[in-house]
């Protein structure tokens, strides 16, 4: 396993999508590669921060410290009111800044396409995953750094990270289509997944 492959497997590992063979290969690579080992530790610490229970109170003074660093408008804005009413949003913003520092230069360093989901009867043409007409996929599909052409049906969600999708007029997707085009979008997607329904209900 080279460094580019290791980075991809790290993301899959922290997403809970790496199989046992990939995790074992990653472990062996980390034993011999100090650079990847350091990146893994950084990602691990970030994941640990994200997994702090949402219901726990923020550290004393954290909200006040962050709020005091923000510019004070002459008239209280809707954004400022939201931050005071939803302190968890302030913590999410702080986590976003930390994650940006860790991931901005590394998230998309590997340019190989990664496909996850039920792939029976599907095929890949160049950098495009194709769901043929007449074929129904049961379950979620995720494509990283590639395209997806849906001519058939998908009974689940479709997520495209740093790529694009095309939906034929006769195609059908029962779930949600999520298109993530940039590092910030990807980070926000990860934060929403970690914090769950609380952030989805925010205006």
Protein backbone atom coordinates (compact mmCIF):
# COMPACT_ATOMS: atom_id res chain seq x y z
CA UNK A 1 0.00 0.00 0.00
CA UNK A 2 1.36 3.43 -0.97
CA UNK A 3 0.63 6.76 0.75
CA UNK A 4 -2.17 7.76 -1.63
CA UNK A 5 -3.97 4.46 -1.06
CA UNK A 6 -3.41 4.81 2.70
CA UNK A 7 -5.09 8.25 2.76
CA UNK A 8 -8.15 6.87 0.96
CA UNK A 9 -8.39 3.95 3.39
CA UNK A 10 -8.02 6.34 6.35
CA UNK A 11 -11.13 8.25 5.24
CA UNK A 12 -13.00 4.98 4.72
CA UNK A 13 -11.81 3.78 8.17
CA UNK A 14 -13.12 6.88 9.96
CA UNK A 15 -16.35 6.70 7.92
CA UNK A 16 -16.74 3.11 9.17
CA UNK A 17 -16.55 1.76 5.61
CA UNK A 18 -13.11 0.07 5.52
CA UNK A 19 -13.15 -3.73 5.38
CA UNK A 20 -10.85 -5.91 7.51
CA UNK A 21 -8.29 -6.44 4.73
CA UNK A 22 -7.98 -2.70 4.03
CA UNK A 23 -7.70 -1.91 7.75
CA UNK A 24 -4.97 -4.53 8.15
CA UNK A 25 -3.02 -3.18 5.15
CA UNK A 26 -3.36 0.36 6.55
CA UNK A 27 -2.03 -0.76 9.93
CA UNK A 28 1.06 -2.28 8.29
CA UNK A 29 1.62 0.87 6.23
CA UNK A 30 1.36 3.10 9.33
CA UNK A 31 4.06 1.06 11.04
CA UNK A 32 6.59 1.98 8.34
CA UNK A 33 5.43 5.47 7.24
CA UNK A 34 5.88 8.29 9.81
CA UNK A 35 4.08 10.86 7.61
CA UNK A 36 0.92 8.78 7.26
CA UNK A 37 1.10 7.80 10.93
CA UNK A 38 1.11 11.48 11.92
CA UNK A 39 -1.84 12.23 9.60
CA UNK A 40 -3.75 9.26 11.05
CA UNK A 41 -3.22 10.59 14.60
CA UNK A 42 -4.45 14.04 13.57
CA UNK A 43 -7.56 12.55 11.95
CA UNK A 44 -8.11 10.35 15.01
CA UNK A 45 -7.99 13.35 17.36
CA UNK A 46 -10.42 15.26 15.14
CA UNK A 47 -12.82 12.29 15.10
CA UNK A 48 -12.58 12.10 18.90
CA UNK A 49 -13.61 15.76 19.18
CA UNK A 50 -16.55 15.16 16.82
CA UNK A 51 -17.74 12.21 18.89
CA UNK A 52 -18.16 14.27 22.08
CA UNK A 53 -21.88 13.82 22.97
CA UNK A 54 -23.96 16.68 21.58
CA UNK A 55 -25.92 17.01 24.82
CA UNK A 56 -22.85 17.70 26.94
CA UNK A 57 -22.32 21.30 27.95
CA UNK A 58 -19.52 23.22 26.21
CA UNK A 59 -16.45 24.04 28.33
CA UNK A 60 -17.00 27.02 30.63
CA UNK A 61 -16.14 30.25 28.85
CA UNK A 62 -15.81 28.70 25.36
CA UNK A 63 -18.91 30.34 23.91
CA UNK A 64 -18.09 33.72 25.48
CA UNK A 65 -14.53 33.54 24.20
CA UNK A 66 -15.59 32.79 20.63
CA UNK A 67 -18.40 35.38 20.71
CA UNK A 68 -16.03 38.09 21.98
CA UNK A 69 -13.71 37.43 19.04
CA UNK A 70 -16.51 38.07 16.53
CA UNK A 71 -17.06 41.61 15.17
CA UNK A 72 -19.77 43.40 17.12
CA UNK A 73 -22.38 44.86 14.71
CA UNK A 74 -24.20 48.06 15.59
CA UNK A 75 -27.46 46.13 15.34
CA UNK A 76 -27.70 42.50 16.39
CA UNK A 77 -27.87 40.37 13.25
CA UNK A 78 -29.92 37.22 12.75
CA UNK A 79 -26.59 35.29 12.66
CA UNK A 80 -25.56 36.66 16.03
CA UNK A 81 -28.95 35.78 17.53
CA UNK A 82 -28.67 32.26 16.18
CA UNK A 83 -25.23 31.81 17.77
CA UNK A 84 -26.53 32.93 21.15
CA UNK A 85 -29.57 30.66 20.88
CA UNK A 86 -27.61 27.66 19.53
CA UNK A 87 -24.21 27.41 21.24
CA UNK A 88 -23.67 24.01 19.61
CA UNK A 89 -23.38 25.87 16.29
CA UNK A 90 -20.43 27.82 17.73
CA UNK A 91 -18.72 24.55 18.69
CA UNK A 92 -19.40 23.17 15.19
CA UNK A 93 -17.74 26.25 13.67
CA UNK A 94 -14.71 25.82 15.91
CA UNK A 95 -14.47 22.16 14.91
CA UNK A 96 -14.74 23.18 11.25
CA UNK A 97 -11.74 25.50 11.63
CA UNK A 98 -9.70 22.72 13.26
CA UNK A 99 -10.68 20.22 10.56
CA UNK A 100 -9.82 22.70 7.81
CA UNK A 101 -6.32 23.01 9.23
CA UNK A 102 -5.93 19.21 9.20
CA UNK A 103 -7.58 18.30 5.93
CA UNK A 104 -7.48 21.14 3.42
CA UNK A 105 -4.29 20.01 1.74
CA UNK A 106 -4.87 16.27 2.15
CA UNK A 107 -8.55 15.40 1.57
CA UNK A 108 -8.40 15.28 -2.21
CA UNK A 109 -4.71 14.55 -2.72
CA UNK A 110 -5.58 11.11 -4.13
CA UNK A 111 -7.26 11.47 -7.52
CA UNK A 112 -8.39 7.85 -8.02
CA UNK A 113 -12.13 7.25 -8.16
CA UNK A 114 -13.64 5.34 -5.22
CA UNK A 115 -17.03 3.61 -5.51
CA UNK A 116 -19.03 2.15 -2.60
CA UNK A 117 -22.39 0.37 -2.56
CA UNK A 118 -24.17 -2.57 -4.17
CA UNK A 119 -22.32 -2.84 -7.49
CA UNK A 120 -23.96 -5.96 -8.98
CA UNK A 121 -24.99 -5.35 -12.62
CA UNK A 122 -23.25 -1.94 -12.62
CA UNK A 123 -20.16 -1.10 -14.63
CA UNK A 124 -17.48 1.59 -14.76
CA UNK A 125 -16.68 3.39 -18.00
CA UNK A 126 -13.57 5.57 -17.61
CA UNK A 127 -14.27 7.75 -14.59
CA UNK A 128 -18.04 7.10 -14.64
CA UNK A 129 -20.08 4.56 -12.67
CA UNK A 130 -23.09 3.54 -14.78
CA UNK A 131 -26.42 2.25 -13.47
CA UNK A 132 -27.84 0.70 -16.66
CA UNK A 133 -31.43 1.13 -17.77
CA UNK A 134 -33.66 -1.61 -16.35
CA UNK A 135 -31.36 -2.23 -13.36
CA UNK A 136 -32.46 -1.44 -9.79
CA UNK A 137 -29.83 -0.89 -7.09
CA UNK A 138 -31.03 -1.68 -3.57
CA UNK A 139 -29.01 0.37 -1.10
CA UNK A 140 -26.92 3.53 -1.05
CA UNK A 141 -24.29 4.48 -3.63
CA UNK A 142 -21.27 6.70 -2.98
CA UNK A 143 -18.81 7.91 -5.63
CA UNK A 144 -15.66 9.84 -4.70
CA UNK A 145 -13.67 11.74 -7.33
CA UNK A 146 -15.75 10.44 -10.25
CA UNK A 147 -19.08 10.62 -12.05
CA UNK A 148 -22.25 8.57 -11.87
CA UNK A 149 -24.67 8.06 -14.75
CA UNK A 150 -28.06 6.79 -13.56
CA UNK A 151 -30.21 5.30 -16.31
CA UNK A 152 -31.93 2.75 -14.02
CA UNK A 153 -33.29 2.98 -10.47
CA UNK A 154 -31.66 3.44 -7.04
CA UNK A 155 -33.64 2.40 -3.96
CA UNK A 156 -31.49 4.42 -1.55
CA UNK A 157 -29.34 7.56 -1.29
CA UNK A 158 -26.74 8.73 -3.80
CA UNK A 159 -23.69 10.70 -2.60
CA UNK A 160 -21.17 12.20 -5.04
CA UNK A 161 -18.00 13.66 -3.51
CA UNK A 162 -15.85 15.89 -5.72
CA UNK A 163 -17.56 14.67 -8.89
CA UNK A 164 -20.86 14.92 -10.77
CA UNK A 165 -23.96 12.91 -11.60
CA UNK A 166 -26.39 12.65 -14.49
CA UNK A 167 -29.94 11.35 -14.15
CA UNK A 168 -31.78 10.01 -17.20
CA UNK A 169 -35.39 11.12 -17.67
CA UNK A 170 -36.59 7.55 -17.03
CA UNK A 171 -34.37 7.04 -13.95
CA UNK A 172 -35.62 7.08 -10.35
CA UNK A 173 -33.89 7.63 -6.98
CA UNK A 174 -35.98 6.90 -3.88
CA UNK A 175 -33.58 8.57 -1.42
CA UNK A 176 -31.62 11.79 -1.21
CA UNK A 177 -28.97 12.95 -3.69
CA UNK A 178 -26.03 14.72 -2.01
CA UNK A 179 -23.49 16.50 -4.21
CA UNK A 180 -20.30 17.58 -2.41
CA UNK A 181 -18.06 19.71 -4.62
CA UNK A 182 -15.44 21.17 -2.27
CA UNK A 183 -13.48 20.48 0.90
CA UNK A 184 -15.70 22.77 3.00
CA UNK A 185 -18.83 20.98 1.73
CA UNK A 186 -17.24 17.64 2.62
CA UNK A 187 -16.38 18.84 6.11
CA UNK A 188 -19.89 20.18 6.67
CA UNK A 189 -21.29 16.84 5.44
CA UNK A 190 -19.13 15.01 8.03
CA UNK A 191 -20.15 17.41 10.82
CA UNK A 192 -23.86 16.99 10.02
CA UNK A 193 -23.46 13.21 10.07
CA UNK A 194 -21.72 13.36 13.45
CA UNK A 195 -24.04 15.87 15.13
CA UNK A 196 -27.21 14.33 13.64
CA UNK A 197 -30.68 15.79 13.65
CA UNK A 198 -29.87 18.79 15.86
CA UNK A 199 -28.00 20.63 13.09
CA UNK A 200 -30.51 19.56 10.42
CA UNK A 201 -33.23 21.45 12.31
CA UNK A 202 -31.20 24.67 12.46
CA UNK A 203 -32.35 27.51 10.09
